[in-house]
Amino acid sequence: MKSCLEEFQDFAADEIAEKLSVMTRDNRFEDVYSPDMERRPTNMCEVLDRVENRGIQKGIEKGIAQGEDTILSLMKYLLSNGRLDDARRATEDEAYRSKLLDEISLQK
């Protein structure tokens, strides 16, 4: 007896992606299954893996940007308040940096 996932794999990925796009009015399903791809997914599990990986990548990029913004805000705060020694130490000491972020309520 096949599992639901195994049965799902048997469907043509391009047909399912097209149907999902029509039903949801969202073309991202078809974007993940583009004929222009070097290697197109052969089943829906591969399509879902690509969707998941794309989401993970976007999350990583967003997290990096938020981290950069937080550190820049910390440095601006420290420098504008003449706390050059704290700024220097914050670049090398993670625990101290965390303490400073807590101090100025930038860390969540």
N, C-alpha and C. Protein backbone atom coordinates (compact mmCIF):
# COMPACT_ATOMS: atom_id res chain seq x y z
N MET A 1 0.84 -1.18 0.00
CA MET A 1 0.00 0.00 0.00
C MET A 1 0.88 1.25 0.00
N LYS A 2 0.63 2.15 -0.94
CA LYS A 2 1.41 3.37 -1.05
C LYS A 2 0.95 4.41 -0.03
N SER A 3 1.92 5.15 0.46
CA SER A 3 1.56 6.27 1.34
C SER A 3 1.01 7.40 0.47
N CYS A 4 0.38 8.34 1.12
CA CYS A 4 -0.15 9.49 0.40
C CYS A 4 0.97 10.21 -0.35
N LEU A 5 2.13 10.34 0.28
CA LEU A 5 3.26 11.00 -0.35
C LEU A 5 3.73 10.26 -1.59
N GLU A 6 3.79 8.93 -1.51
CA GLU A 6 4.21 8.14 -2.67
C GLU A 6 3.21 8.27 -3.81
N GLU A 7 1.92 8.31 -3.49
CA GLU A 7 0.92 8.48 -4.54
C GLU A 7 1.02 9.87 -5.15
N PHE A 8 1.29 10.86 -4.32
CA PHE A 8 1.44 12.23 -4.77
C PHE A 8 2.61 12.36 -5.75
N GLN A 9 3.66 11.58 -5.53
CA GLN A 9 4.84 11.63 -6.39
C GLN A 9 4.53 11.14 -7.80
N ASP A 10 3.53 10.28 -7.96
CA ASP A 10 3.23 9.71 -9.26
C ASP A 10 2.60 10.69 -10.24
N PHE A 11 2.02 11.76 -9.74
CA PHE A 11 1.39 12.74 -10.62
C PHE A 11 2.46 13.55 -11.34
N ALA A 12 2.14 14.01 -12.52
CA ALA A 12 3.06 14.84 -13.28
C ALA A 12 3.19 16.19 -12.59
N ALA A 13 4.38 16.52 -12.21
CA ALA A 13 4.62 17.73 -11.43
C ALA A 13 4.19 18.99 -12.17
N ASP A 14 4.43 19.03 -13.46
CA ASP A 14 4.06 20.23 -14.21
C ASP A 14 2.55 20.44 -14.24
N GLU A 15 1.79 19.35 -14.35
CA GLU A 15 0.33 19.45 -14.37
C GLU A 15 -0.20 19.93 -13.02
N ILE A 16 0.35 19.40 -11.95
CA ILE A 16 -0.10 19.79 -10.62
C ILE A 16 0.27 21.24 -10.35
N ALA A 17 1.47 21.64 -10.73
CA ALA A 17 1.89 23.02 -10.53
C ALA A 17 0.96 23.97 -11.28
N GLU A 18 0.60 23.61 -12.49
CA GLU A 18 -0.31 24.43 -13.29
C GLU A 18 -1.68 24.52 -12.62
N LYS A 19 -2.20 23.40 -12.16
CA LYS A 19 -3.52 23.38 -11.50
C LYS A 19 -3.49 24.19 -10.20
N LEU A 20 -2.44 24.05 -9.42
CA LEU A 20 -2.32 24.82 -8.18
C LEU A 20 -2.28 26.32 -8.48
N SER A 21 -1.58 26.69 -9.54
CA SER A 21 -1.51 28.09 -9.93
C SER A 21 -2.89 28.63 -10.29
N VAL A 22 -3.65 27.84 -11.03
CA VAL A 22 -5.00 28.25 -11.43
C VAL A 22 -5.91 28.34 -10.22
N MET A 23 -5.88 27.32 -9.37
CA MET A 23 -6.77 27.29 -8.20
C MET A 23 -6.47 28.41 -7.21
N THR A 24 -5.21 28.73 -7.04
CA THR A 24 -4.82 29.73 -6.04
C THR A 24 -4.60 31.12 -6.63
N ARG A 25 -4.59 31.18 -7.96
CA ARG A 25 -4.26 32.43 -8.66
C ARG A 25 -2.89 32.94 -8.23
N ASP A 26 -1.97 32.00 -8.08
CA ASP A 26 -0.62 32.30 -7.61
C ASP A 26 0.36 31.57 -8.52
N ASN A 27 1.13 32.31 -9.28
CA ASN A 27 2.03 31.71 -10.27
C ASN A 27 3.33 31.17 -9.70
N ARG A 28 3.52 31.30 -8.40
CA ARG A 28 4.78 30.83 -7.82
C ARG A 28 4.95 29.32 -7.98
N PHE A 29 3.87 28.58 -8.06
CA PHE A 29 3.97 27.14 -8.28
C PHE A 29 4.62 26.87 -9.63
N GLU A 30 4.19 27.60 -10.64
CA GLU A 30 4.76 27.40 -11.97
C GLU A 30 6.18 27.95 -12.05
N ASP A 31 6.47 29.00 -11.27
CA ASP A 31 7.83 29.55 -11.26
C ASP A 31 8.83 28.51 -10.77
N VAL A 32 8.42 27.69 -9.83
CA VAL A 32 9.30 26.65 -9.29
C VAL A 32 9.46 25.52 -10.30
N TYR A 33 8.51 25.40 -11.20
CA TYR A 33 8.56 24.35 -12.21
C TYR A 33 8.60 25.00 -13.59
N SER A 34 9.66 25.69 -13.85
CA SER A 34 9.81 26.40 -15.11
C SER A 34 10.48 25.52 -16.17
N PRO A 35 9.98 25.54 -17.40
CA PRO A 35 10.62 24.76 -18.47
C PRO A 35 12.03 25.24 -18.79
N ASP A 36 12.38 26.44 -18.36
CA ASP A 36 13.70 26.99 -18.62
C ASP A 36 14.77 26.44 -17.68
N MET A 37 14.35 25.69 -16.69
CA MET A 37 15.31 25.18 -15.70
C MET A 37 16.25 24.16 -16.33
N GLU A 38 17.46 24.16 -15.79
CA GLU A 38 18.44 23.18 -16.25
C GLU A 38 17.97 21.77 -15.94
N ARG A 39 17.50 21.57 -14.71
CA ARG A 39 16.94 20.27 -14.31
C ARG A 39 15.59 20.51 -13.68
N ARG A 40 14.55 20.10 -14.37
CA ARG A 40 13.20 20.29 -13.87
C ARG A 40 12.86 19.18 -12.88
N PRO A 41 12.06 19.51 -11.86
CA PRO A 41 11.66 18.47 -10.91
C PRO A 41 10.83 17.41 -11.61
N THR A 42 10.98 16.17 -11.16
CA THR A 42 10.25 15.07 -11.79
C THR A 42 8.99 14.69 -11.03
N ASN A 43 8.86 15.20 -9.80
CA ASN A 43 7.65 14.90 -9.04
C ASN A 43 7.37 16.06 -8.09
N MET A 44 6.20 16.03 -7.48
CA MET A 44 5.79 17.13 -6.62
C MET A 44 6.64 17.25 -5.36
N CYS A 45 7.22 16.16 -4.91
CA CYS A 45 8.09 16.25 -3.73
C CYS A 45 9.30 17.12 -4.04
N GLU A 46 9.83 16.99 -5.24
CA GLU A 46 10.96 17.85 -5.64
C GLU A 46 10.51 19.29 -5.79
N VAL A 47 9.29 19.51 -6.30
CA VAL A 47 8.75 20.87 -6.41
C VAL A 47 8.64 21.47 -5.01
N LEU A 48 8.08 20.70 -4.08
CA LEU A 48 7.92 21.20 -2.71
C LEU A 48 9.27 21.46 -2.06
N ASP A 49 10.27 20.62 -2.34
CA ASP A 49 11.62 20.85 -1.81
C ASP A 49 12.16 22.18 -2.32
N ARG A 50 11.92 22.47 -3.59
CA ARG A 50 12.41 23.74 -4.16
C ARG A 50 11.70 24.93 -3.52
N VAL A 51 10.39 24.78 -3.32
CA VAL A 51 9.63 25.85 -2.67
C VAL A 51 10.16 26.07 -1.26
N GLU A 52 10.36 24.98 -0.54
CA GLU A 52 10.86 25.08 0.83
C GLU A 52 12.25 25.71 0.85
N ASN A 53 13.12 25.29 -0.03
CA ASN A 53 14.48 25.83 -0.07
C ASN A 53 14.48 27.32 -0.42
N ARG A 54 13.57 27.70 -1.31
CA ARG A 54 13.47 29.11 -1.67
C ARG A 54 13.03 29.92 -0.44
N GLY A 55 12.09 29.38 0.33
CA GLY A 55 11.65 30.05 1.55
C GLY A 55 12.75 30.15 2.58
N ILE A 56 13.52 29.08 2.71
CA ILE A 56 14.64 29.09 3.65
C ILE A 56 15.65 30.16 3.25
N GLN A 57 15.97 30.23 1.97
CA GLN A 57 16.93 31.22 1.48
C GLN A 57 16.44 32.64 1.75
N LYS A 58 15.15 32.88 1.49
CA LYS A 58 14.60 34.21 1.77
C LYS A 58 14.67 34.53 3.25
N GLY A 59 14.42 33.54 4.10
CA GLY A 59 14.50 33.74 5.54
C GLY A 59 15.91 34.07 5.99
N ILE A 60 16.87 33.38 5.41
CA ILE A 60 18.28 33.65 5.74
C ILE A 60 18.64 35.08 5.34
N GLU A 61 18.25 35.47 4.14
CA GLU A 61 18.56 36.82 3.66
C GLU A 61 17.91 37.87 4.55
N LYS A 62 16.67 37.64 4.95
CA LYS A 62 15.97 38.58 5.82
C LYS A 62 16.64 38.65 7.20
N GLY A 63 17.03 37.50 7.72
CA GLY A 63 17.71 37.47 9.02
C GLY A 63 19.04 38.20 8.99
N ILE A 64 19.79 38.03 7.92
CA ILE A 64 21.07 38.74 7.78
C ILE A 64 20.83 40.24 7.75
N ALA A 65 19.84 40.67 6.97
CA ALA A 65 19.55 42.11 6.86
C ALA A 65 19.12 42.68 8.22
N GLN A 66 18.30 41.94 8.95
CA GLN A 66 17.86 42.41 10.27
C GLN A 66 19.05 42.49 11.23
N GLY A 67 19.93 41.51 11.17
CA GLY A 67 21.12 41.52 12.02
C GLY A 67 22.02 42.71 11.72
N GLU A 68 22.20 42.99 10.43
CA GLU A 68 23.02 44.14 10.04
C GLU A 68 22.40 45.43 10.54
N ASP A 69 21.08 45.56 10.39
CA ASP A 69 20.38 46.77 10.85
C ASP A 69 20.54 46.95 12.36
N THR A 70 20.43 45.85 13.10
CA THR A 70 20.56 45.91 14.55
C THR A 70 21.95 46.38 14.96
N ILE A 71 22.97 45.79 14.34
CA ILE A 71 24.35 46.16 14.68
C ILE A 71 24.63 47.60 14.28
N LEU A 72 24.14 48.02 13.10
CA LEU A 72 24.34 49.42 12.69
C LEU A 72 23.64 50.37 13.67
N SER A 73 22.46 50.01 14.13
CA SER A 73 21.76 50.86 15.10
C SER A 73 22.54 50.94 16.40
N LEU A 74 23.09 49.82 16.84
CA LEU A 74 23.90 49.81 18.06
C LEU A 74 25.12 50.72 17.90
N MET A 75 25.82 50.56 16.78
CA MET A 75 27.02 51.37 16.57
C MET A 75 26.68 52.85 16.48
N LYS A 76 25.61 53.21 15.78
CA LYS A 76 25.20 54.62 15.69
C LYS A 76 24.90 55.17 17.08
N TYR A 77 24.20 54.39 17.87
CA TYR A 77 23.86 54.81 19.23
C TYR A 77 25.13 55.04 20.05
N LEU A 78 26.01 54.06 20.03
CA LEU A 78 27.24 54.16 20.83
C LEU A 78 28.10 55.33 20.37
N LEU A 79 28.28 55.48 19.07
CA LEU A 79 29.14 56.56 18.56
C LEU A 79 28.53 57.93 18.80
N SER A 80 27.20 58.03 18.65
CA SER A 80 26.57 59.34 18.87
C SER A 80 26.58 59.74 20.35
N ASN A 81 26.81 58.77 21.21
CA ASN A 81 26.90 59.05 22.65
C ASN A 81 28.33 59.02 23.15
N GLY A 82 29.28 59.07 22.22
CA GLY A 82 30.69 59.14 22.59
C GLY A 82 31.23 57.88 23.26
N ARG A 83 30.63 56.75 23.00
CA ARG A 83 31.04 55.50 23.66
C ARG A 83 31.90 54.65 22.72
N LEU A 84 33.00 55.23 22.30
CA LEU A 84 33.89 54.58 21.35
C LEU A 84 34.47 53.29 21.90
N ASP A 85 34.86 53.29 23.18
CA ASP A 85 35.41 52.07 23.78
C ASP A 85 34.37 50.95 23.81
N ASP A 86 33.12 51.29 24.10
CA ASP A 86 32.05 50.28 24.08
C ASP A 86 31.84 49.74 22.67
N ALA A 87 31.91 50.63 21.68
CA ALA A 87 31.75 50.20 20.28
C ALA A 87 32.86 49.24 19.89
N ARG A 88 34.10 49.57 20.26
CA ARG A 88 35.22 48.68 19.95
C ARG A 88 35.03 47.32 20.61
N ARG A 89 34.70 47.35 21.89
CA ARG A 89 34.54 46.08 22.63
C ARG A 89 33.38 45.26 22.06
N ALA A 90 32.32 45.93 21.65
CA ALA A 90 31.16 45.23 21.09
C ALA A 90 31.50 44.48 19.81
N THR A 91 32.51 44.93 19.09
CA THR A 91 32.90 44.24 17.85
C THR A 91 33.63 42.94 18.12
N GLU A 92 34.13 42.77 19.35
CA GLU A 92 34.94 41.59 19.66
C GLU A 92 34.33 40.67 20.72
N ASP A 93 33.43 41.19 21.52
CA ASP A 93 32.91 40.44 22.66
C ASP A 93 31.39 40.27 22.51
N GLU A 94 30.98 39.07 22.13
CA GLU A 94 29.57 38.81 21.84
C GLU A 94 28.68 39.02 23.07
N ALA A 95 29.14 38.57 24.23
CA ALA A 95 28.35 38.73 25.46
C ALA A 95 28.17 40.21 25.80
N TYR A 96 29.23 40.98 25.62
CA TYR A 96 29.15 42.41 25.90
C TYR A 96 28.22 43.10 24.90
N ARG A 97 28.33 42.70 23.64
CA ARG A 97 27.47 43.25 22.59
C ARG A 97 26.00 42.97 22.93
N SER A 98 25.72 41.76 23.37
CA SER A 98 24.36 41.39 23.75
C SER A 98 23.86 42.25 24.92
N LYS A 99 24.74 42.50 25.88
CA LYS A 99 24.40 43.33 27.03
C LYS A 99 24.08 44.76 26.57
N LEU A 100 24.87 45.28 25.64
CA LEU A 100 24.62 46.62 25.14
C LEU A 100 23.30 46.68 24.36
N LEU A 101 23.02 45.65 23.58
CA LEU A 101 21.76 45.60 22.84
C LEU A 101 20.57 45.58 23.79
N ASP A 102 20.70 44.82 24.87
CA ASP A 102 19.66 44.80 25.89
C ASP A 102 19.50 46.19 26.51
N GLU A 103 20.63 46.80 26.74
CA GLU A 103 20.63 48.15 27.36
C GLU A 103 19.86 49.16 26.54
N ILE A 104 20.01 49.09 25.25
CA ILE A 104 19.33 50.09 24.41
C ILE A 104 18.08 49.52 23.73
N SER A 105 17.66 48.37 24.18
CA SER A 105 16.41 47.74 23.73
C SER A 105 16.36 47.48 22.22
N LEU A 106 17.49 47.10 21.63
CA LEU A 106 17.51 46.75 20.23
C LEU A 106 17.38 45.24 20.02
N GLN A 107 17.75 44.50 21.04
CA GLN A 107 17.70 43.04 20.93
C GLN A 107 16.34 42.57 21.40
N LYS A 108 15.75 41.66 20.64
CA LYS A 108 14.42 41.15 21.02
C LYS A 108 14.55 39.82 21.70
